PDB file of N, CA and C in Angstrom:
ATOM      1  N   HIS A   1     -22.069  20.265  46.389  1.00  0.00           N
ATOM      2  CA  HIS A   1     -20.969  21.169  46.175  1.00  0.00           C
ATOM      3  C   HIS A   1     -19.619  20.626  46.638  1.00  0.00           C
ATOM      4  N   PRO A   2     -19.574  19.738  47.637  1.00  0.00           N
ATOM      5  CA  PRO A   2     -18.262  19.204  48.018  1.00  0.00           C
ATOM      6  C   PRO A   2     -17.598  18.385  46.915  1.00  0.00           C
ATOM      7  N   GLU A   3     -18.386  17.611  46.191  1.00  0.00           N
ATOM      8  CA  GLU A   3     -17.801  16.794  45.123  1.00  0.00           C
ATOM      9  C   GLU A   3     -17.272  17.660  43.982  1.00  0.00           C
ATOM     10  N   ILE A   4     -18.062  18.626  43.566  1.00  0.00           N
ATOM     11  CA  ILE A   4     -17.642  19.508  42.474  1.00  0.00           C
ATOM     12  C   ILE A   4     -16.464  20.372  42.913  1.00  0.00           C
ATOM     13  N   GLY A   5     -16.560  20.929  44.115  1.00  0.00           N
ATOM     14  CA  GLY A   5     -15.457  21.747  44.636  1.00  0.00           C
ATOM     15  C   GLY A   5     -14.179  20.951  44.774  1.00  0.00           C
ATOM     16  N   GLY A   6     -14.289  19.724  45.278  1.00  0.00           N
ATOM     17  CA  GLY A   6     -13.108  18.870  45.404  1.00  0.00           C
ATOM     18  C   GLY A   6     -12.495  18.540  44.054  1.00  0.00           C
ATOM     19  N   ALA A   7     -13.350  18.255  43.076  1.00  0.00           N
ATOM     20  CA  ALA A   7     -12.853  17.944  41.724  1.00  0.00           C
ATOM     21  C   ALA A   7     -12.153  19.155  41.115  1.00  0.00           C
ATOM     22  N   LEU A   8     -12.737  20.332  41.290  1.00  0.00           N
ATOM     23  CA  LEU A   8     -12.103  21.549  40.770  1.00  0.00           C
ATOM     24  C   LEU A   8     -10.762  21.803  41.460  1.00  0.00           C
ATOM     25  N   ALA A   9     -10.734  21.674  42.770  1.00  0.00           N
ATOM     26  CA  ALA A   9      -9.488  21.897  43.504  1.00  0.00           C
ATOM     27  C   ALA A   9      -8.411  20.910  43.057  1.00  0.00           C
ATOM     28  N   GLU A  10      -8.818  19.674  42.806  1.00  0.00           N
ATOM     29  CA  GLU A  10      -7.881  18.662  42.314  1.00  0.00           C
ATOM     30  C   GLU A  10      -7.363  19.033  40.925  1.00  0.00           C
ATOM     31  N   LYS A  11      -8.283  19.438  40.046  1.00  0.00           N
ATOM     32  CA  LYS A  11      -7.909  19.826  38.680  1.00  0.00           C
ATOM     33  C   LYS A  11      -6.951  21.014  38.686  1.00  0.00           C
ATOM     34  N   TRP A  12      -7.161  21.929  39.622  1.00  0.00           N
ATOM     35  CA  TRP A  12      -6.317  23.119  39.720  1.00  0.00           C
ATOM     36  C   TRP A  12      -5.052  22.879  40.539  1.00  0.00           C
ATOM     37  N   ASN A  13      -4.805  21.609  40.865  1.00  0.00           N
ATOM     38  CA  ASN A  13      -3.586  21.207  41.578  1.00  0.00           C
ATOM     39  C   ASN A  13      -3.431  21.837  42.957  1.00  0.00           C
ATOM     40  N   PHE A  14      -4.546  22.006  43.657  1.00  0.00           N
ATOM     41  CA  PHE A  14      -4.483  22.459  45.040  1.00  0.00           C
ATOM     42  C   PHE A  14      -3.836  21.353  45.866  1.00  0.00           C
ATOM     43  N   PRO A  15      -3.260  21.699  47.003  1.00  0.00           N
ATOM     44  CA  PRO A  15      -2.687  20.661  47.878  1.00  0.00           C
ATOM     45  C   PRO A  15      -3.760  19.652  48.305  1.00  0.00           C
ATOM     46  N   ASP A  16      -3.326  18.421  48.541  1.00  0.00           N
ATOM     47  CA  ASP A  16      -4.256  17.362  48.936  1.00  0.00           C
ATOM     48  C   ASP A  16      -5.076  17.729  50.164  1.00  0.00           C
ATOM     49  N   SER A  17      -4.481  18.452  51.100  1.00  0.00           N
ATOM     50  CA  SER A  17      -5.203  18.834  52.317  1.00  0.00           C
ATOM     51  C   SER A  17      -6.385  19.750  52.004  1.00  0.00           C
ATOM     52  N   ILE A  18      -6.219  20.638  51.045  1.00  0.00           N
ATOM     53  CA  ILE A  18      -7.307  21.550  50.646  1.00  0.00           C
ATOM     54  C   ILE A  18      -8.379  20.771  49.885  1.00  0.00           C
ATOM     55  N   VAL A  19      -7.957  19.910  48.986  1.00  0.00           N
ATOM     56  CA  VAL A  19      -8.906  19.072  48.238  1.00  0.00           C
ATOM     57  C   VAL A  19      -9.752  18.258  49.217  1.00  0.00           C
ATOM     58  N   ALA A  20      -9.106  17.621  50.170  1.00  0.00           N
ATOM     59  CA  ALA A  20      -9.825  16.800  51.148  1.00  0.00           C
ATOM     60  C   ALA A  20     -10.757  17.646  52.006  1.00  0.00           C
ATOM     61  N   SER A  21     -10.325  18.838  52.383  1.00  0.00           N
ATOM     62  CA  SER A  21     -11.167  19.718  53.202  1.00  0.00           C
ATOM     63  C   SER A  21     -12.439  20.113  52.476  1.00  0.00           C
ATOM     64  N   ILE A  22     -12.320  20.361  51.208  1.00  0.00           N
ATOM     65  CA  ILE A  22     -13.495  20.707  50.400  1.00  0.00           C
ATOM     66  C   ILE A  22     -14.379  19.471  50.227  1.00  0.00           C
ATOM     67  N   ARG A  23     -13.773  18.371  49.863  1.00  0.00           N
ATOM     68  CA  ARG A  23     -14.509  17.160  49.518  1.00  0.00           C
ATOM     69  C   ARG A  23     -15.234  16.527  50.712  1.00  0.00           C
ATOM     70  N   TYR A  24     -14.663  16.601  51.905  1.00  0.00           N
ATOM     71  CA  TYR A  24     -15.204  15.845  53.032  1.00  0.00           C
ATOM     72  C   TYR A  24     -15.813  16.688  54.150  1.00  0.00           C
ATOM     73  N   HIS A  25     -15.957  17.986  53.972  1.00  0.00           N
ATOM     74  CA  HIS A  25     -16.458  18.787  55.099  1.00  0.00           C
ATOM     75  C   HIS A  25     -17.918  18.497  55.449  1.00  0.00           C
ATOM     76  N   HIS A  26     -18.623  17.772  54.591  1.00  0.00           N
ATOM     77  CA  HIS A  26     -19.979  17.312  54.916  1.00  0.00           C
ATOM     78  C   HIS A  26     -20.030  15.798  55.111  1.00  0.00           C
ATOM     79  N   ALA A  27     -18.886  15.143  55.030  1.00  0.00           N
ATOM     80  CA  ALA A  27     -18.812  13.682  55.174  1.00  0.00           C
ATOM     81  C   ALA A  27     -17.681  13.339  56.139  1.00  0.00           C
ATOM     82  N   LEU A  28     -17.846  13.728  57.375  1.00  0.00           N
ATOM     83  CA  LEU A  28     -16.761  13.603  58.355  1.00  0.00           C
ATOM     84  C   LEU A  28     -16.310  12.168  58.572  1.00  0.00           C
ATOM     85  N   ASP A  29     -17.217  11.223  58.500  1.00  0.00           N
ATOM     86  CA  ASP A  29     -16.843   9.826  58.710  1.00  0.00           C
ATOM     87  C   ASP A  29     -15.970   9.276  57.584  1.00  0.00           C
ATOM     88  N   ALA A  30     -16.046   9.865  56.427  1.00  0.00           N
ATOM     89  CA  ALA A  30     -15.250   9.416  55.284  1.00  0.00           C
ATOM     90  C   ALA A  30     -13.925  10.177  55.158  1.00  0.00           C
ATOM     91  N   ALA A  31     -13.710  11.143  56.023  1.00  0.00           N
ATOM     92  CA  ALA A  31     -12.510  11.990  55.931  1.00  0.00           C
ATOM     93  C   ALA A  31     -11.238  11.175  56.152  1.00  0.00           C
ATOM     94  N   PRO A  32     -10.227  11.400  55.320  1.00  0.00           N
ATOM     95  CA  PRO A  32      -8.940  10.721  55.521  1.00  0.00           C
ATOM     96  C   PRO A  32      -8.331  11.124  56.866  1.00  0.00           C
ATOM     97  N   ASP A  33      -7.777  10.168  57.578  1.00  0.00           N
ATOM     98  CA  ASP A  33      -7.229  10.417  58.921  1.00  0.00           C
ATOM     99  C   ASP A  33      -6.207  11.548  58.940  1.00  0.00           C
ATOM    100  N   GLU A  34      -5.345  11.600  57.944  1.00  0.00           N
ATOM    101  CA  GLU A  34      -4.266  12.596  57.970  1.00  0.00           C
ATOM    102  C   GLU A  34      -4.767  14.040  57.856  1.00  0.00           C
ATOM    103  N   TYR A  35      -6.006  14.221  57.390  1.00  0.00           N
ATOM    104  CA  TYR A  35      -6.558  15.574  57.248  1.00  0.00           C
ATOM    105  C   TYR A  35      -7.782  15.796  58.134  1.00  0.00           C
ATOM    106  N   ARG A  36      -8.056  14.858  59.008  1.00  0.00           N
ATOM    107  CA  ARG A  36      -9.296  14.901  59.802  1.00  0.00           C
ATOM    108  C   ARG A  36      -9.439  16.192  60.606  1.00  0.00           C
ATOM    109  N   GLN A  37      -8.398  16.636  61.292  1.00  0.00           N
ATOM    110  CA  GLN A  37      -8.488  17.853  62.112  1.00  0.00           C
ATOM    111  C   GLN A  37      -8.815  19.063  61.236  1.00  0.00           C
ATOM    112  N   LEU A  38      -8.147  19.190  60.115  1.00  0.00           N
ATOM    113  CA  LEU A  38      -8.417  20.310  59.208  1.00  0.00           C
ATOM    114  C   LEU A  38      -9.838  20.232  58.662  1.00  0.00           C
ATOM    115  N   ILE A  39     -10.265  19.055  58.273  1.00  0.00           N
ATOM    116  CA  ILE A  39     -11.616  18.873  57.733  1.00  0.00           C
ATOM    117  C   ILE A  39     -12.663  19.201  58.792  1.00  0.00           C
ATOM    118  N   HIS A  40     -12.442  18.789  60.011  1.00  0.00           N
ATOM    119  CA  HIS A  40     -13.374  19.105  61.096  1.00  0.00           C
ATOM    120  C   HIS A  40     -13.430  20.613  61.340  1.00  0.00           C
ATOM    121  N   THR A  41     -12.295  21.289  61.212  1.00  0.00           N
ATOM    122  CA  THR A  41     -12.256  22.739  61.376  1.00  0.00           C
ATOM    123  C   THR A  41     -13.063  23.425  60.276  1.00  0.00           C
ATOM    124  N   VAL A  42     -12.903  22.970  59.052  1.00  0.00           N
ATOM    125  CA  VAL A  42     -13.663  23.530  57.933  1.00  0.00           C
ATOM    126  C   VAL A  42     -15.160  23.255  58.118  1.00  0.00           C
ATOM    127  N   ALA A  43     -15.498  22.049  58.545  1.00  0.00           N
ATOM    128  CA  ALA A  43     -16.904  21.707  58.776  1.00  0.00           C
ATOM    129  C   ALA A  43     -17.507  22.596  59.851  1.00  0.00           C
ATOM    130  N   LEU A  44     -16.774  22.827  60.933  1.00  0.00           N
ATOM    131  CA  LEU A  44     -17.274  23.692  61.996  1.00  0.00           C
ATOM    132  C   LEU A  44     -17.447  25.123  61.498  1.00  0.00           C
ATOM    133  N   ALA A  45     -16.489  25.621  60.749  1.00  0.00           N
ATOM    134  CA  ALA A  45     -16.595  26.984  60.207  1.00  0.00           C
ATOM    135  C   ALA A  45     -17.830  27.107  59.310  1.00  0.00           C
ATOM    136  N   ASP A  46     -18.064  26.105  58.490  1.00  0.00           N
ATOM    137  CA  ASP A  46     -19.247  26.085  57.620  1.00  0.00           C
ATOM    138  C   ASP A  46     -20.522  26.124  58.459  1.00  0.00           C
ATOM    139  N   LEU A  47     -20.557  25.332  59.517  1.00  0.00           N
ATOM    140  CA  LEU A  47     -21.731  25.301  60.385  1.00  0.00           C
ATOM    141  C   LEU A  47     -21.916  26.622  61.126  1.00  0.00           C
ATOM    142  N   MET A  48     -20.825  27.268  61.489  1.00  0.00           N
ATOM    143  CA  MET A  48     -20.918  28.569  62.158  1.00  0.00           C
ATOM    144  C   MET A  48     -21.585  29.600  61.246  1.00  0.00           C
ATOM    145  N   VAL A  49     -21.204  29.592  59.992  1.00  0.00           N
ATOM    146  CA  VAL A  49     -21.823  30.514  59.032  1.00  0.00           C
ATOM    147  C   VAL A  49     -23.312  30.221  58.910  1.00  0.00           C
ATOM    148  N   HIS A  50     -23.653  28.955  58.771  1.00  0.00           N
ATOM    149  CA  HIS A  50     -25.071  28.588  58.647  1.00  0.00           C
ATOM    150  C   HIS A  50     -25.849  28.899  59.928  1.00  0.00           C
ATOM    151  N   TYR A  51     -25.205  28.771  61.067  1.00  0.00           N
ATOM    152  CA  TYR A  51     -25.841  29.116  62.332  1.00  0.00           C
ATOM    153  C   TYR A  51     -26.158  30.615  62.373  1.00  0.00           C
ATOM    154  N   LEU A  52     -25.178  31.425  61.984  1.00  0.00           N
ATOM    155  CA  LEU A  52     -25.396  32.876  61.969  1.00  0.00           C
ATOM    156  C   LEU A  52     -26.474  33.283  60.968  1.00  0.00           C
ATOM    157  N   LEU A  53     -26.576  32.540  59.873  1.00  0.00           N
ATOM    158  CA  LEU A  53     -27.612  32.817  58.865  1.00  0.00           C
ATOM    159  C   LEU A  53     -28.961  32.226  59.254  1.00  0.00           C
ATOM    160  N   GLU A  54     -28.970  31.516  60.376  1.00  0.00           N
ATOM    161  CA  GLU A  54     -30.167  30.871  60.914  1.00  0.00           C
ATOM    162  C   GLU A  54     -30.730  29.777  60.008  1.00  0.00           C
ATOM    163  N   SER A  55     -29.839  29.141  59.256  1.00  0.00           N
ATOM    164  CA  SER A  55     -30.257  28.006  58.435  1.00  0.00           C
ATOM    165  C   SER A  55     -29.900  26.678  59.114  1.00  0.00           C
ATOM    166  N   VAL A  56     -29.170  26.755  60.222  1.00  0.00           N
ATOM    167  CA  VAL A  56     -28.859  25.597  61.053  1.00  0.00           C
ATOM    168  C   VAL A  56     -29.072  26.016  62.499  1.00  0.00           C
ATOM    169  N   GLU A  57     -29.697  25.150  63.258  1.00  0.00           N
ATOM    170  CA  GLU A  57     -29.869  25.411  64.682  1.00  0.00           C
ATOM    171  C   GLU A  57     -28.810  24.656  65.465  1.00  0.00           C
ATOM    172  N   TYR A  58     -28.525  25.138  66.641  1.00  0.00           N
ATOM    173  CA  TYR A  58     -27.462  24.566  67.467  1.00  0.00           C
ATOM    174  C   TYR A  58     -27.623  23.054  67.654  1.00  0.00           C
ATOM    175  N   TYR A  59     -28.830  22.620  67.915  1.00  0.00           N
ATOM    176  CA  TYR A  59     -29.051  21.188  68.178  1.00  0.00           C
ATOM    177  C   TYR A  59     -28.732  20.321  66.953  1.00  0.00           C
ATOM    178  N   GLN A  60     -28.656  20.920  65.769  1.00  0.00           N
ATOM    179  CA  GLN A  60     -28.360  20.167  64.546  1.00  0.00           C
ATOM    180  C   GLN A  60     -26.861  19.952  64.335  1.00  0.00           C
ATOM    181  N   ILE A  61     -26.043  20.652  65.081  1.00  0.00           N
ATOM    182  CA  ILE A  61     -24.591  20.525  64.940  1.00  0.00           C
ATOM    183  C   ILE A  61     -24.140  19.246  65.635  1.00  0.00           C
ATOM    184  N   GLU A  62     -23.319  18.487  64.942  1.00  0.00           N
ATOM    185  CA  GLU A  62     -22.868  17.211  65.498  1.00  0.00           C
ATOM    186  C   GLU A  62     -22.195  17.416  66.843  1.00  0.00           C
ATOM    187  N   ARG A  63     -22.671  16.674  67.809  1.00  0.00           N
ATOM    188  CA  ARG A  63     -22.161  16.779  69.181  1.00  0.00           C
ATOM    189  C   ARG A  63     -20.656  16.568  69.231  1.00  0.00           C
ATOM    190  N   ARG A  64     -20.130  15.647  68.415  1.00  0.00           N
ATOM    191  CA  ARG A  64     -18.686  15.370  68.468  1.00  0.00           C
ATOM    192  C   ARG A  64     -17.860  16.567  68.026  1.00  0.00           C
ATOM    193  N   LEU A  65     -18.383  17.364  67.081  1.00  0.00           N
ATOM    194  CA  LEU A  65     -17.670  18.583  66.682  1.00  0.00           C
ATOM    195  C   LEU A  65     -17.668  19.590  67.818  1.00  0.00           C
ATOM    196  N   LEU A  66     -18.816  19.757  68.449  1.00  0.00           N
ATOM    197  CA  LEU A  66     -18.902  20.689  69.574  1.00  0.00           C
ATOM    198  C   LEU A  66     -17.953  20.268  70.695  1.00  0.00           C
ATOM    199  N   GLU A  67     -17.919  18.986  70.982  1.00  0.00           N
ATOM    200  CA  GLU A  67     -17.032  18.484  72.035  1.00  0.00           C
ATOM    201  C   GLU A  67     -15.569  18.624  71.636  1.00  0.00           C
ATOM    202  N   GLN A  68     -15.266  18.309  70.393  1.00  0.00           N
ATOM    203  CA  GLN A  68     -13.882  18.391  69.915  1.00  0.00           C
ATOM    204  C   GLN A  68     -13.333  19.806  70.063  1.00  0.00           C
ATOM    205  N   PHE A  69     -14.173  20.802  69.780  1.00  0.00           N
ATOM    206  CA  PHE A  69     -13.740  22.190  69.864  1.00  0.00           C
ATOM    207  C   PHE A  69     -14.134  22.835  71.199  1.00  0.00           C
ATOM    208  N   ARG A  70     -14.552  21.990  72.126  1.00  0.00           N
ATOM    209  CA  ARG A  70     -14.806  22.363  73.517  1.00  0.00           C
ATOM    210  C   ARG A  70     -15.899  23.418  73.691  1.00  0.00           C
ATOM    211  N   PHE A  71     -16.944  23.283  72.915  1.00  0.00           N
ATOM    212  CA  PHE A  71     -18.127  24.117  73.128  1.00  0.00           C
ATOM    213  C   PHE A  71     -19.024  23.396  74.119  1.00  0.00           C
ATOM    214  N   SER A  72     -19.419  24.094  75.159  1.00  0.00           N
ATOM    215  CA  SER A  72     -20.215  23.455  76.205  1.00  0.00           C
ATOM    216  C   SER A  72     -21.649  23.974  76.266  1.00  0.00           C
ATOM    217  N   SER A  73     -21.948  25.021  75.490  1.00  0.00           N
ATOM    218  CA  SER A  73     -23.316  25.549  75.506  1.00  0.00           C
ATOM    219  C   SER A  73     -23.589  26.319  74.218  1.00  0.00           C
ATOM    220  N   GLU A  74     -24.854  26.477  73.932  1.00  0.00           N
ATOM    221  CA  GLU A  74     -25.226  27.268  72.756  1.00  0.00           C
ATOM    222  C   GLU A  74     -24.814  28.720  72.934  1.00  0.00           C
ATOM    223  N   ASP A  75     -24.925  29.235  74.138  1.00  0.00           N
ATOM    224  CA  ASP A  75     -24.535  30.627  74.384  1.00  0.00           C
ATOM    225  C   ASP A  75     -23.057  30.843  74.054  1.00  0.00           C
ATOM    226  N   GLN A  76     -22.218  29.931  74.487  1.00  0.00           N
ATOM    227  CA  GLN A  76     -20.789  30.024  74.187  1.00  0.00           C
ATOM    228  C   GLN A  76     -20.555  29.952  72.675  1.00  0.00           C
ATOM    229  N   PHE A  77     -21.215  29.015  72.014  1.00  0.00           N
ATOM    230  CA  PHE A  77     -21.078  28.856  70.569  1.00  0.00           C
ATOM    231  C   PHE A  77     -21.514  30.129  69.846  1.00  0.00           C
ATOM    232  N   ARG A  78     -22.657  30.682  70.240  1.00  0.00           N
ATOM    233  CA  ARG A  78     -23.173  31.900  69.609  1.00  0.00           C
ATOM    234  C   ARG A  78     -22.196  33.058  69.789  1.00  0.00           C
ATOM    235  N   ARG A  79     -21.651  33.206  71.007  1.00  0.00           N
ATOM    236  CA  ARG A  79     -20.702  34.299  71.261  1.00  0.00           C
ATOM    237  C   ARG A  79     -19.455  34.176  70.382  1.00  0.00           C
ATOM    238  N   VAL A  80     -18.949  32.952  70.220  1.00  0.00           N
ATOM    239  CA  VAL A  80     -17.769  32.750  69.374  1.00  0.00           C
ATOM    240  C   VAL A  80     -18.105  33.061  67.917  1.00  0.00           C
ATOM    241  N   CYS A  81     -19.252  32.596  67.456  1.00  0.00           N
ATOM    242  CA  CYS A  81     -19.682  32.891  66.080  1.00  0.00           C
ATOM    243  C   CYS A  81     -19.777  34.393  65.851  1.00  0.00           C
ATOM    244  N   GLU A  82     -20.400  35.084  66.788  1.00  0.00           N
ATOM    245  CA  GLU A  82     -20.552  36.539  66.672  1.00  0.00           C
ATOM    246  C   GLU A  82     -19.207  37.245  66.728  1.00  0.00           C
ATOM    247  N   HIS A  83     -18.303  36.743  67.556  1.00  0.00           N
ATOM    248  CA  HIS A  83     -16.956  37.327  67.628  1.00  0.00           C
ATOM    249  C   HIS A  83     -16.247  37.223  66.274  1.00  0.00           C
ATOM    250  N   PHE A  84     -16.303  36.047  65.666  1.00  0.00           N
ATOM    251  CA  PHE A  84     -15.698  35.876  64.346  1.00  0.00           C
ATOM    252  C   PHE A  84     -16.365  36.775  63.317  1.00  0.00           C
ATOM    253  N   GLN A  85     -17.693  36.844  63.357  1.00  0.00           N
ATOM    254  CA  GLN A  85     -18.428  37.680  62.414  1.00  0.00           C
ATOM    255  C   GLN A  85     -18.039  39.150  62.578  1.00  0.00           C
ATOM    256  N   ASN A  86     -17.945  39.614  63.802  1.00  0.00           N
ATOM    257  CA  ASN A  86     -17.554  41.006  64.052  1.00  0.00           C
ATOM    258  C   ASN A  86     -16.144  41.280  63.538  1.00  0.00           C
ATOM    259  N   GLY A  87     -15.230  40.333  63.745  1.00  0.00           N
ATOM    260  CA  GLY A  87     -13.872  40.489  63.233  1.00  0.00           C
ATOM    261  C   GLY A  87     -13.840  40.528  61.715  1.00  0.00           C
ATOM    262  N   PHE A  88     -14.652  39.691  61.093  1.00  0.00           N
ATOM    263  CA  PHE A  88     -14.741  39.670  59.631  1.00  0.00           C
ATOM    264  C   PHE A  88     -15.279  40.997  59.112  1.00  0.00           C
ATOM    265  N   GLU A  89     -16.323  41.495  59.750  1.00  0.00           N
ATOM    266  CA  GLU A  89     -16.917  42.774  59.341  1.00  0.00           C
ATOM    267  C   GLU A  89     -15.924  43.919  59.512  1.00  0.00           C
ATOM    268  N   ALA A  90     -15.142  43.901  60.592  1.00  0.00           N
ATOM    269  CA  ALA A  90     -14.148  44.940  60.812  1.00  0.00           C
ATOM    270  C   ALA A  90     -13.067  44.900  59.735  1.00  0.00           C
ATOM    271  N   ASP A  91     -12.647  43.690  59.340  1.00  0.00           N
ATOM    272  CA  ASP A  91     -11.634  43.563  58.283  1.00  0.00           C
ATOM    273  C   ASP A  91     -12.164  44.040  56.939  1.00  0.00           C
ATOM    274  N   LYS A  92     -13.441  43.799  56.676  1.00  0.00           N
ATOM    275  CA  LYS A  92     -14.032  44.220  55.409  1.00  0.00           C
ATOM    276  C   LYS A  92     -14.055  45.741  55.292  1.00  0.00           C
ATOM    277  N   SER A  93     -14.178  46.425  56.390  1.00  0.00           N
ATOM    278  CA  SER A  93     -14.302  47.879  56.343  1.00  0.00           C
ATOM    279  C   SER A  93     -12.954  48.587  56.206  1.00  0.00           C
ATOM    280  N   LYS A  94     -11.874  47.835  56.277  1.00  0.00           N
ATOM    281  CA  LYS A  94     -10.528  48.443  56.160  1.00  0.00           C
ATOM    282  C   LYS A  94     -10.186  48.727  54.734  1.00  0.00           C
TER     283      LYS A  94
END
Protein backbone atom coordinates (compact mmCIF):
# COMPACT_ATOMS: atom_id res chain seq x y z
CA HIS A 1 0.00 0.00 0.00
CA PRO A 2 2.84 2.51 0.48
CA GLU A 3 3.86 2.31 -3.17
CA ILE A 4 0.33 2.66 -4.51
CA GLY A 5 -0.55 5.37 -1.99
CA GLY A 6 2.62 7.28 -2.79
CA ALA A 7 1.96 7.04 -6.53
CA LEU A 8 -1.61 8.28 -6.07
CA ALA A 9 -0.50 11.15 -3.85
CA GLU A 10 2.10 12.10 -6.46
CA LYS A 11 -0.46 11.92 -9.28
CA TRP A 12 -2.83 14.12 -7.27
CA ASN A 13 -0.03 16.66 -6.76
CA PHE A 14 0.18 16.30 -2.99
CA PRO A 15 3.18 18.04 -1.41
CA ASP A 16 6.43 16.06 -1.53
CA SER A 17 6.40 15.68 2.26
CA ILE A 18 3.02 13.90 2.14
CA VAL A 19 4.08 11.70 -0.78
CA ALA A 20 7.24 10.70 1.09
CA SER A 21 5.31 10.04 4.31
CA ILE A 22 3.00 7.66 2.52
CA ARG A 23 5.72 6.00 0.46
CA TYR A 24 8.29 5.43 3.22
CA HIS A 25 6.35 4.87 6.45
CA HIS A 26 7.22 1.15 6.23
CA ALA A 27 10.74 1.73 4.84
CA LEU A 28 12.35 4.03 7.38
CA ASP A 29 15.90 3.37 6.21
CA ALA A 30 15.03 4.55 2.71
CA ALA A 31 13.27 7.72 3.90
CA PRO A 32 14.64 10.98 2.49
CA ASP A 33 16.52 12.93 5.19
CA GLU A 34 14.48 16.10 4.75
CA TYR A 35 11.24 14.27 5.63
CA ARG A 36 12.61 11.71 8.08
CA GLN A 37 10.99 13.19 11.23
CA LEU A 38 7.57 13.39 9.57
CA ILE A 39 7.90 9.88 8.14
CA HIS A 40 8.90 8.50 11.54
CA THR A 41 5.86 10.21 13.07
CA VAL A 42 3.56 8.64 10.48
CA ALA A 43 5.20 5.24 11.01
CA LEU A 44 4.70 5.49 14.77
CA ALA A 45 1.06 6.53 14.36
CA ASP A 46 0.51 3.54 12.06
CA LEU A 47 2.09 1.23 14.62
CA MET A 48 -0.04 2.72 17.40
CA VAL A 49 -3.19 1.86 15.48
CA HIS A 50 -1.97 -1.68 14.86
CA TYR A 51 -1.00 -2.01 18.52
CA LEU A 52 -4.50 -1.00 19.62
CA LEU A 53 -5.98 -3.47 17.12
CA GLU A 54 -3.65 -6.11 18.58
CA SER A 55 -2.10 -6.89 15.21
CA VAL A 56 1.31 -5.67 16.41
CA GLU A 57 2.88 -6.36 19.78
CA TYR A 58 5.06 -3.87 21.60
CA TYR A 59 8.23 -5.91 21.14
CA GLN A 60 7.72 -5.74 17.34
CA ILE A 61 7.98 -1.94 17.27
CA GLU A 62 11.39 -0.73 16.20
CA ARG A 63 13.39 0.23 19.25
CA ARG A 64 14.75 3.35 17.52
CA LEU A 65 11.22 4.71 17.03
CA LEU A 66 10.38 4.10 20.67
CA GLU A 67 13.60 5.81 21.74
CA GLN A 68 13.15 8.69 19.31
CA PHE A 69 9.72 9.45 20.76
CA ARG A 70 10.96 8.76 24.29
CA PHE A 71 8.85 5.75 25.14
CA SER A 72 10.49 3.87 27.97
CA SER A 73 7.97 1.10 28.64
CA GLU A 74 5.07 -0.75 27.12
CA ASP A 75 2.79 0.62 29.83
CA GLN A 76 3.66 4.19 28.85
CA PHE A 77 3.18 3.38 25.15
CA ARG A 78 -0.20 1.73 25.81
CA ARG A 79 -1.40 4.70 27.89
CA VAL A 80 -0.47 7.15 25.12
CA CYS A 81 -2.17 4.99 22.49
CA GLU A 82 -5.32 4.79 24.60
CA HIS A 83 -5.24 8.53 25.24
CA PHE A 84 -5.15 9.23 21.51
CA GLN A 85 -7.88 6.67 20.89
CA ASN A 86 -10.11 8.21 23.56
CA GLY A 87 -9.58 11.67 22.06
CA PHE A 88 -10.43 10.36 18.61
CA GLU A 89 -13.59 8.69 19.91
CA ALA A 90 -14.63 11.90 21.68
CA ASP A 91 -14.16 13.91 18.47
CA LYS A 92 -16.21 11.40 16.49
CA SER A 93 -19.16 11.82 18.83
CA LYS A 94 -19.33 15.60 18.32
